Amino acid sequence: MKLLVRNLDRGTTEEELKGLFQAFGIVQSCDLVIDKASGESKGFGFIEMPKVGEAKVAMKSLNGNTVGGNKIRVKKAEEKSE
């Protein structure tokens, strides 16, 4: 299950983000979206967890939590339509 994590502090690293979700289960991938021009985080990223149950628990538990001074939002990522 792919999750979208929004409102991240610009200083949050992929390792920190991955660590938050690893507390709830296996993290298949963690992608922080980086601005190509500045090289800084755009403040959101994607987490992929193979087990839907673990992903749902992580989503419920982490949504609204404060990370790095920002209240993060976690929801199921929308599938890209071509």
PDB file of N, CA and C in Angstrom:
ATOM      1  N   MET A   1       0.864  -1.179   0.000  1.00  0.00           N
ATOM      2  CA  MET A   1       0.000   0.000   0.000  1.00  0.00           C
ATOM      3  C   MET A   1       0.901   1.230   0.000  1.00  0.00           C
ATOM      4  N   LYS A   2       0.605   2.153  -0.891  1.00  0.00           N
ATOM      5  CA  LYS A   2       1.408   3.369  -1.012  1.00  0.00           C
ATOM      6  C   LYS A   2       0.727   4.498  -0.236  1.00  0.00           C
ATOM      7  N   LEU A   3       1.516   5.174   0.600  1.00  0.00           N
ATOM      8  CA  LEU A   3       1.002   6.265   1.424  1.00  0.00           C
ATOM      9  C   LEU A   3       1.660   7.580   1.038  1.00  0.00           C
ATOM     10  N   LEU A   4       0.885   8.643   1.106  1.00  0.00           N
ATOM     11  CA  LEU A   4       1.378   9.997   0.860  1.00  0.00           C
ATOM     12  C   LEU A   4       1.532  10.674   2.215  1.00  0.00           C
ATOM     13  N   VAL A   5       2.710  11.236   2.454  1.00  0.00           N
ATOM     14  CA  VAL A   5       2.981  11.948   3.700  1.00  0.00           C
ATOM     15  C   VAL A   5       3.221  13.406   3.341  1.00  0.00           C
ATOM     16  N   ARG A   6       2.352  14.295   3.876  1.00  0.00           N
ATOM     17  CA  ARG A   6       2.420  15.715   3.536  1.00  0.00           C
ATOM     18  C   ARG A   6       2.791  16.551   4.754  1.00  0.00           C
ATOM     19  N   ASN A   7       3.166  17.795   4.492  1.00  0.00           N
ATOM     20  CA  ASN A   7       3.478  18.796   5.511  1.00  0.00           C
ATOM     21  C   ASN A   7       4.705  18.413   6.342  1.00  0.00           C
ATOM     22  N   LEU A   8       5.678  17.756   5.691  1.00  0.00           N
ATOM     23  CA  LEU A   8       6.915  17.409   6.375  1.00  0.00           C
ATOM     24  C   LEU A   8       7.787  18.653   6.524  1.00  0.00           C
ATOM     25  N   ASP A   9       8.536  18.707   7.613  1.00  0.00           N
ATOM     26  CA  ASP A   9       9.528  19.758   7.786  1.00  0.00           C
ATOM     27  C   ASP A   9      10.557  19.596   6.669  1.00  0.00           C
ATOM     28  N   ARG A  10      11.021  20.686   6.101  1.00  0.00           N
ATOM     29  CA  ARG A  10      11.965  20.611   4.968  1.00  0.00           C
ATOM     30  C   ARG A  10      13.291  19.957   5.353  1.00  0.00           C
ATOM     31  N   GLY A  11      13.560  19.877   6.644  1.00  0.00           N
ATOM     32  CA  GLY A  11      14.806  19.260   7.111  1.00  0.00           C
ATOM     33  C   GLY A  11      14.683  17.770   7.365  1.00  0.00           C
ATOM     34  N   THR A  12      13.480  17.212   7.233  1.00  0.00           N
ATOM     35  CA  THR A  12      13.276  15.783   7.471  1.00  0.00           C
ATOM     36  C   THR A  12      13.993  14.972   6.388  1.00  0.00           C
ATOM     37  N   THR A  13      14.727  13.946   6.811  1.00  0.00           N
ATOM     38  CA  THR A  13      15.462  13.101   5.861  1.00  0.00           C
ATOM     39  C   THR A  13      14.658  11.850   5.533  1.00  0.00           C
ATOM     40  N   GLU A  14      15.055  11.166   4.457  1.00  0.00           N
ATOM     41  CA  GLU A  14      14.397   9.900   4.093  1.00  0.00           C
ATOM     42  C   GLU A  14      14.559   8.891   5.210  1.00  0.00           C
ATOM     43  N   GLU A  15      15.714   8.879   5.860  1.00  0.00           N
ATOM     44  CA  GLU A  15      15.962   7.931   6.953  1.00  0.00           C
ATOM     45  C   GLU A  15      15.008   8.178   8.118  1.00  0.00           C
ATOM     46  N   GLU A  16      14.799   9.451   8.469  1.00  0.00           N
ATOM     47  CA  GLU A  16      13.874   9.788   9.556  1.00  0.00           C
ATOM     48  C   GLU A  16      12.450   9.372   9.206  1.00  0.00           C
ATOM     49  N   LEU A  17      12.054   9.668   7.974  1.00  0.00           N
ATOM     50  CA  LEU A  17      10.707   9.331   7.511  1.00  0.00           C
ATOM     51  C   LEU A  17      10.503   7.819   7.528  1.00  0.00           C
ATOM     52  N   LYS A  18      11.471   7.095   6.996  1.00  0.00           N
ATOM     53  CA  LYS A  18      11.396   5.635   6.963  1.00  0.00           C
ATOM     54  C   LYS A  18      11.301   5.082   8.385  1.00  0.00           C
ATOM     55  N   GLY A  19      12.074   5.645   9.303  1.00  0.00           N
ATOM     56  CA  GLY A  19      12.081   5.204  10.694  1.00  0.00           C
ATOM     57  C   GLY A  19      10.720   5.321  11.362  1.00  0.00           C
ATOM     58  N   LEU A  20       9.997   6.403  11.051  1.00  0.00           N
ATOM     59  CA  LEU A  20       8.655   6.601  11.612  1.00  0.00           C
ATOM     60  C   LEU A  20       7.741   5.434  11.259  1.00  0.00           C
ATOM     61  N   PHE A  21       7.822   5.010  10.001  1.00  0.00           N
ATOM     62  CA  PHE A  21       6.919   3.970   9.510  1.00  0.00           C
ATOM     63  C   PHE A  21       7.402   2.564   9.844  1.00  0.00           C
ATOM     64  N   GLN A  22       8.711   2.374  10.014  1.00  0.00           N
ATOM     65  CA  GLN A  22       9.243   1.049  10.348  1.00  0.00           C
ATOM     66  C   GLN A  22       8.756   0.588  11.715  1.00  0.00           C
ATOM     67  N   ALA A  23       8.343   1.517  12.560  1.00  0.00           N
ATOM     68  CA  ALA A  23       7.797   1.158  13.872  1.00  0.00           C
ATOM     69  C   ALA A  23       6.502   0.354  13.721  1.00  0.00           C
ATOM     70  N   PHE A  24       5.873   0.427  12.537  1.00  0.00           N
ATOM     71  CA  PHE A  24       4.591  -0.242  12.308  1.00  0.00           C
ATOM     72  C   PHE A  24       4.705  -1.459  11.396  1.00  0.00           C
ATOM     73  N   GLY A  25       5.879  -1.680  10.813  1.00  0.00           N
ATOM     74  CA  GLY A  25       6.046  -2.843   9.938  1.00  0.00           C
ATOM     75  C   GLY A  25       7.122  -2.621   8.890  1.00  0.00           C
ATOM     76  N   ILE A  26       7.091  -3.455   7.882  1.00  0.00           N
ATOM     77  CA  ILE A  26       8.098  -3.427   6.817  1.00  0.00           C
ATOM     78  C   ILE A  26       7.841  -2.252   5.877  1.00  0.00           C
ATOM     79  N   VAL A  27       8.901  -1.494   5.604  1.00  0.00           N
ATOM     80  CA  VAL A  27       8.814  -0.401   4.633  1.00  0.00           C
ATOM     81  C   VAL A  27       9.537  -0.859   3.369  1.00  0.00           C
ATOM     82  N   GLN A  28       8.770  -0.967   2.291  1.00  0.00           N
ATOM     83  CA  GLN A  28       9.316  -1.428   1.011  1.00  0.00           C
ATOM     84  C   GLN A  28      10.129  -0.319   0.353  1.00  0.00           C
ATOM     85  N   SER A  29       9.593   0.908   0.389  1.00  0.00           N
ATOM     86  CA  SER A  29      10.319   2.037  -0.185  1.00  0.00           C
ATOM     87  C   SER A  29       9.910   3.330   0.503  1.00  0.00           C
ATOM     88  N   CYS A  30      10.826   4.294   0.445  1.00  0.00           N
ATOM     89  CA  CYS A  30      10.609   5.608   1.032  1.00  0.00           C
ATOM     90  C   CYS A  30      11.180   6.622   0.054  1.00  0.00           C
ATOM     91  N   ASP A  31      10.336   7.492  -0.468  1.00  0.00           N
ATOM     92  CA  ASP A  31      10.788   8.493  -1.438  1.00  0.00           C
ATOM     93  C   ASP A  31      10.375   9.884  -0.987  1.00  0.00           C
ATOM     94  N   LEU A  32      11.364  10.684  -0.631  1.00  0.00           N
ATOM     95  CA  LEU A  32      11.137  12.072  -0.279  1.00  0.00           C
ATOM     96  C   LEU A  32      11.206  12.851  -1.589  1.00  0.00           C
ATOM     97  N   VAL A  33      10.254  13.736  -1.836  1.00  0.00           N
ATOM     98  CA  VAL A  33      10.240  14.487  -3.088  1.00  0.00           C
ATOM     99  C   VAL A  33      11.157  15.702  -2.924  1.00  0.00           C
ATOM    100  N   ILE A  34      12.161  15.776  -3.814  1.00  0.00           N
ATOM    101  CA  ILE A  34      13.186  16.812  -3.744  1.00  0.00           C
ATOM    102  C   ILE A  34      13.029  17.807  -4.895  1.00  0.00           C
ATOM    103  N   ASP A  35      13.152  19.095  -4.577  1.00  0.00           N
ATOM    104  CA  ASP A  35      13.108  20.148  -5.594  1.00  0.00           C
ATOM    105  C   ASP A  35      14.410  20.086  -6.391  1.00  0.00           C
ATOM    106  N   LYS A  36      14.307  19.923  -7.708  1.00  0.00           N
ATOM    107  CA  LYS A  36      15.499  19.784  -8.550  1.00  0.00           C
ATOM    108  C   LYS A  36      16.373  21.039  -8.529  1.00  0.00           C
ATOM    109  N   ALA A  37      15.767  22.204  -8.470  1.00  0.00           N
ATOM    110  CA  ALA A  37      16.523  23.457  -8.509  1.00  0.00           C
ATOM    111  C   ALA A  37      17.307  23.707  -7.220  1.00  0.00           C
ATOM    112  N   SER A  38      16.644  23.561  -6.070  1.00  0.00           N
ATOM    113  CA  SER A  38      17.291  23.889  -4.795  1.00  0.00           C
ATOM    114  C   SER A  38      17.938  22.681  -4.107  1.00  0.00           C
ATOM    115  N   GLY A  39      17.502  21.480  -4.482  1.00  0.00           N
ATOM    116  CA  GLY A  39      18.017  20.280  -3.836  1.00  0.00           C
ATOM    117  C   GLY A  39      17.403  20.036  -2.461  1.00  0.00           C
ATOM    118  N   GLU A  40      16.401  20.849  -2.097  1.00  0.00           N
ATOM    119  CA  GLU A  40      15.741  20.713  -0.802  1.00  0.00           C
ATOM    120  C   GLU A  40      14.446  19.916  -0.936  1.00  0.00           C
ATOM    121  N   SER A  41      14.002  19.389   0.188  1.00  0.00           N
ATOM    122  CA  SER A  41      12.746  18.652   0.231  1.00  0.00           C
ATOM    123  C   SER A  41      11.591  19.592  -0.113  1.00  0.00           C
ATOM    124  N   LYS A  42      10.595  19.052  -0.813  1.00  0.00           N
ATOM    125  CA  LYS A  42       9.393  19.842  -1.118  1.00  0.00           C
ATOM    126  C   LYS A  42       8.362  19.725   0.004  1.00  0.00           C
ATOM    127  N   GLY A  43       8.685  18.960   1.054  1.00  0.00           N
ATOM    128  CA  GLY A  43       7.783  18.850   2.197  1.00  0.00           C
ATOM    129  C   GLY A  43       6.783  17.711   2.110  1.00  0.00           C
ATOM    130  N   PHE A  44       6.999  16.791   1.162  1.00  0.00           N
ATOM    131  CA  PHE A  44       6.145  15.602   1.117  1.00  0.00           C
ATOM    132  C   PHE A  44       6.908  14.425   0.536  1.00  0.00           C
ATOM    133  N   GLY A  45       6.360  13.238   0.763  1.00  0.00           N
ATOM    134  CA  GLY A  45       7.021  12.040   0.275  1.00  0.00           C
ATOM    135  C   GLY A  45       6.058  10.867   0.231  1.00  0.00           C
ATOM    136  N   PHE A  46       6.572   9.743  -0.232  1.00  0.00           N
ATOM    137  CA  PHE A  46       5.765   8.533  -0.370  1.00  0.00           C
ATOM    138  C   PHE A  46       6.425   7.383   0.377  1.00  0.00           C
ATOM    139  N   ILE A  47       5.604   6.592   1.019  1.00  0.00           N
ATOM    140  CA  ILE A  47       6.045   5.390   1.734  1.00  0.00           C
ATOM    141  C   ILE A  47       5.271   4.228   1.143  1.00  0.00           C
ATOM    142  N   GLU A  48       5.978   3.134   0.866  1.00  0.00           N
ATOM    143  CA  GLU A  48       5.287   1.942   0.389  1.00  0.00           C
ATOM    144  C   GLU A  48       5.492   0.824   1.406  1.00  0.00           C
ATOM    145  N   MET A  49       4.375   0.259   1.843  1.00  0.00           N
ATOM    146  CA  MET A  49       4.404  -0.849   2.797  1.00  0.00           C
ATOM    147  C   MET A  49       3.671  -2.031   2.171  1.00  0.00           C
ATOM    148  N   PRO A  50       4.320  -3.217   2.097  1.00  0.00           N
ATOM    149  CA  PRO A  50       3.699  -4.361   1.418  1.00  0.00           C
ATOM    150  C   PRO A  50       2.451  -4.906   2.113  1.00  0.00           C
ATOM    151  N   LYS A  51       2.372  -4.785   3.436  1.00  0.00           N
ATOM    152  CA  LYS A  51       1.213  -5.325   4.162  1.00  0.00           C
ATOM    153  C   LYS A  51       0.207  -4.212   4.423  1.00  0.00           C
ATOM    154  N   VAL A  52      -0.977  -4.364   3.828  1.00  0.00           N
ATOM    155  CA  VAL A  52      -2.033  -3.349   3.933  1.00  0.00           C
ATOM    156  C   VAL A  52      -2.404  -3.059   5.380  1.00  0.00           C
ATOM    157  N   GLY A  53      -2.505  -4.099   6.191  1.00  0.00           N
ATOM    158  CA  GLY A  53      -2.867  -3.924   7.600  1.00  0.00           C
ATOM    159  C   GLY A  53      -1.886  -3.028   8.339  1.00  0.00           C
ATOM    160  N   GLU A  54      -0.592  -3.271   8.130  1.00  0.00           N
ATOM    161  CA  GLU A  54       0.449  -2.454   8.769  1.00  0.00           C
ATOM    162  C   GLU A  54       0.388  -1.021   8.270  1.00  0.00           C
ATOM    163  N   ALA A  55       0.158  -0.854   6.985  1.00  0.00           N
ATOM    164  CA  ALA A  55       0.086   0.484   6.390  1.00  0.00           C
ATOM    165  C   ALA A  55      -1.081   1.270   6.982  1.00  0.00           C
ATOM    166  N   LYS A  56      -2.225   0.595   7.153  1.00  0.00           N
ATOM    167  CA  LYS A  56      -3.411   1.262   7.704  1.00  0.00           C
ATOM    168  C   LYS A  56      -3.180   1.691   9.151  1.00  0.00           C
ATOM    169  N   VAL A  57      -2.531   0.832   9.939  1.00  0.00           N
ATOM    170  CA  VAL A  57      -2.233   1.170  11.334  1.00  0.00           C
ATOM    171  C   VAL A  57      -1.267   2.359  11.378  1.00  0.00           C
ATOM    172  N   ALA A  58      -0.247   2.331  10.531  1.00  0.00           N
ATOM    173  CA  ALA A  58       0.729   3.435  10.472  1.00  0.00           C
ATOM    174  C   ALA A  58       0.031   4.736  10.082  1.00  0.00           C
ATOM    175  N   MET A  59      -0.854   4.657   9.091  1.00  0.00           N
ATOM    176  CA  MET A  59      -1.574   5.836   8.611  1.00  0.00           C
ATOM    177  C   MET A  59      -2.409   6.438   9.740  1.00  0.00           C
ATOM    178  N   LYS A  60      -3.179   5.594  10.434  1.00  0.00           N
ATOM    179  CA  LYS A  60      -4.028   6.067  11.545  1.00  0.00           C
ATOM    180  C   LYS A  60      -3.194   6.639  12.680  1.00  0.00           C
ATOM    181  N   SER A  61      -2.102   5.962  13.001  1.00  0.00           N
ATOM    182  CA  SER A  61      -1.278   6.351  14.140  1.00  0.00           C
ATOM    183  C   SER A  61      -0.466   7.626  13.890  1.00  0.00           C
ATOM    184  N   LEU A  62       0.025   7.793  12.675  1.00  0.00           N
ATOM    185  CA  LEU A  62       0.920   8.919  12.391  1.00  0.00           C
ATOM    186  C   LEU A  62       0.218  10.170  11.872  1.00  0.00           C
ATOM    187  N   ASN A  63      -0.965  10.020  11.298  1.00  0.00           N
ATOM    188  CA  ASN A  63      -1.687  11.176  10.766  1.00  0.00           C
ATOM    189  C   ASN A  63      -1.984  12.166  11.894  1.00  0.00           C
ATOM    190  N   GLY A  64      -1.546  13.406  11.717  1.00  0.00           N
ATOM    191  CA  GLY A  64      -1.791  14.429  12.727  1.00  0.00           C
ATOM    192  C   GLY A  64      -0.688  14.547  13.769  1.00  0.00           C
ATOM    193  N   ASN A  65       0.302  13.635  13.732  1.00  0.00           N
ATOM    194  CA  ASN A  65       1.427  13.719  14.667  1.00  0.00           C
ATOM    195  C   ASN A  65       2.346  14.885  14.292  1.00  0.00           C
ATOM    196  N   THR A  66       3.038  15.413  15.273  1.00  0.00           N
ATOM    197  CA  THR A  66       3.999  16.482  15.017  1.00  0.00           C
ATOM    198  C   THR A  66       5.375  15.875  14.832  1.00  0.00           C
ATOM    199  N   VAL A  67       5.978  16.158  13.681  1.00  0.00           N
ATOM    200  CA  VAL A  67       7.314  15.661  13.359  1.00  0.00           C
ATOM    201  C   VAL A  67       8.145  16.865  12.928  1.00  0.00           C
ATOM    202  N   GLY A  68       9.226  17.115  13.618  1.00  0.00           N
ATOM    203  CA  GLY A  68      10.095  18.246  13.280  1.00  0.00           C
ATOM    204  C   GLY A  68       9.373  19.584  13.347  1.00  0.00           C
ATOM    205  N   GLY A  69       8.412  19.689  14.259  1.00  0.00           N
ATOM    206  CA  GLY A  69       7.685  20.950  14.426  1.00  0.00           C
ATOM    207  C   GLY A  69       6.470  21.112  13.524  1.00  0.00           C
ATOM    208  N   ASN A  70       6.264  20.183  12.606  1.00  0.00           N
ATOM    209  CA  ASN A  70       5.110  20.258  11.695  1.00  0.00           C
ATOM    210  C   ASN A  70       4.136  19.117  11.978  1.00  0.00           C
ATOM    211  N   LYS A  71       2.843  19.422  11.861  1.00  0.00           N
ATOM    212  CA  LYS A  71       1.814  18.399  12.017  1.00  0.00           C
ATOM    213  C   LYS A  71       1.662  17.719  10.654  1.00  0.00           C
ATOM    214  N   ILE A  72       2.114  16.446  10.578  1.00  0.00           N
ATOM    215  CA  ILE A  72       2.090  15.746   9.287  1.00  0.00           C
ATOM    216  C   ILE A  72       0.711  15.178   8.976  1.00  0.00           C
ATOM    217  N   ARG A  73       0.458  14.986   7.677  1.00  0.00           N
ATOM    218  CA  ARG A  73      -0.787  14.369   7.223  1.00  0.00           C
ATOM    219  C   ARG A  73      -0.411  13.117   6.424  1.00  0.00           C
ATOM    220  N   VAL A  74      -1.043  12.010   6.765  1.00  0.00           N
ATOM    221  CA  VAL A  74      -0.752  10.730   6.095  1.00  0.00           C
ATOM    222  C   VAL A  74      -2.050  10.190   5.527  1.00  0.00           C
ATOM    223  N   LYS A  75      -2.044   9.855   4.245  1.00  0.00           N
ATOM    224  CA  LYS A  75      -3.223   9.242   3.622  1.00  0.00           C
ATOM    225  C   LYS A  75      -2.783   8.297   2.522  1.00  0.00           C
ATOM    226  N   LYS A  76      -3.717   7.502   2.063  1.00  0.00           N
ATOM    227  CA  LYS A  76      -3.435   6.561   0.966  1.00  0.00           C
ATOM    228  C   LYS A  76      -3.152   7.382  -0.286  1.00  0.00           C
ATOM    229  N   ALA A  77      -2.068   7.035  -0.969  1.00  0.00           N
ATOM    230  CA  ALA A  77      -1.702   7.749  -2.193  1.00  0.00           C
ATOM    231  C   ALA A  77      -2.664   7.387  -3.312  1.00  0.00           C
ATOM    232  N   GLU A  78      -3.052   8.384  -4.083  1.00  0.00           N
ATOM    233  CA  GLU A  78      -3.917   8.153  -5.247  1.00  0.00           C
ATOM    234  C   GLU A  78      -3.072   7.537  -6.356  1.00  0.00           C
ATOM    235  N   GLU A  79      -3.635   6.596  -7.078  1.00  0.00           N
ATOM    236  CA  GLU A  79      -2.929   6.025  -8.210  1.00  0.00           C
ATOM    237  C   GLU A  79      -2.896   7.049  -9.334  1.00  0.00           C
ATOM    238  N   LYS A  80      -1.737   7.178  -9.980  1.00  0.00           N
ATOM    239  CA  LYS A  80      -1.625   8.124 -11.105  1.00  0.00           C
ATOM    240  C   LYS A  80      -2.453   7.614 -12.275  1.00  0.00           C
ATOM    241  N   SER A  81      -3.278   8.497 -12.828  1.00  0.00           N
ATOM    242  CA  SER A  81      -4.019   8.093 -14.022  1.00  0.00           C
ATOM    243  C   SER A  81      -3.270   8.624 -15.237  1.00  0.00           C
ATOM    244  N   GLU A  82      -3.137   7.782 -16.222  1.00  0.00           N
ATOM    245  CA  GLU A  82      -2.342   8.138 -17.426  1.00  0.00           C
ATOM    246  C   GLU A  82      -3.082   9.104 -18.315  1.00  0.00           C
TER     247      GLU A  82
END
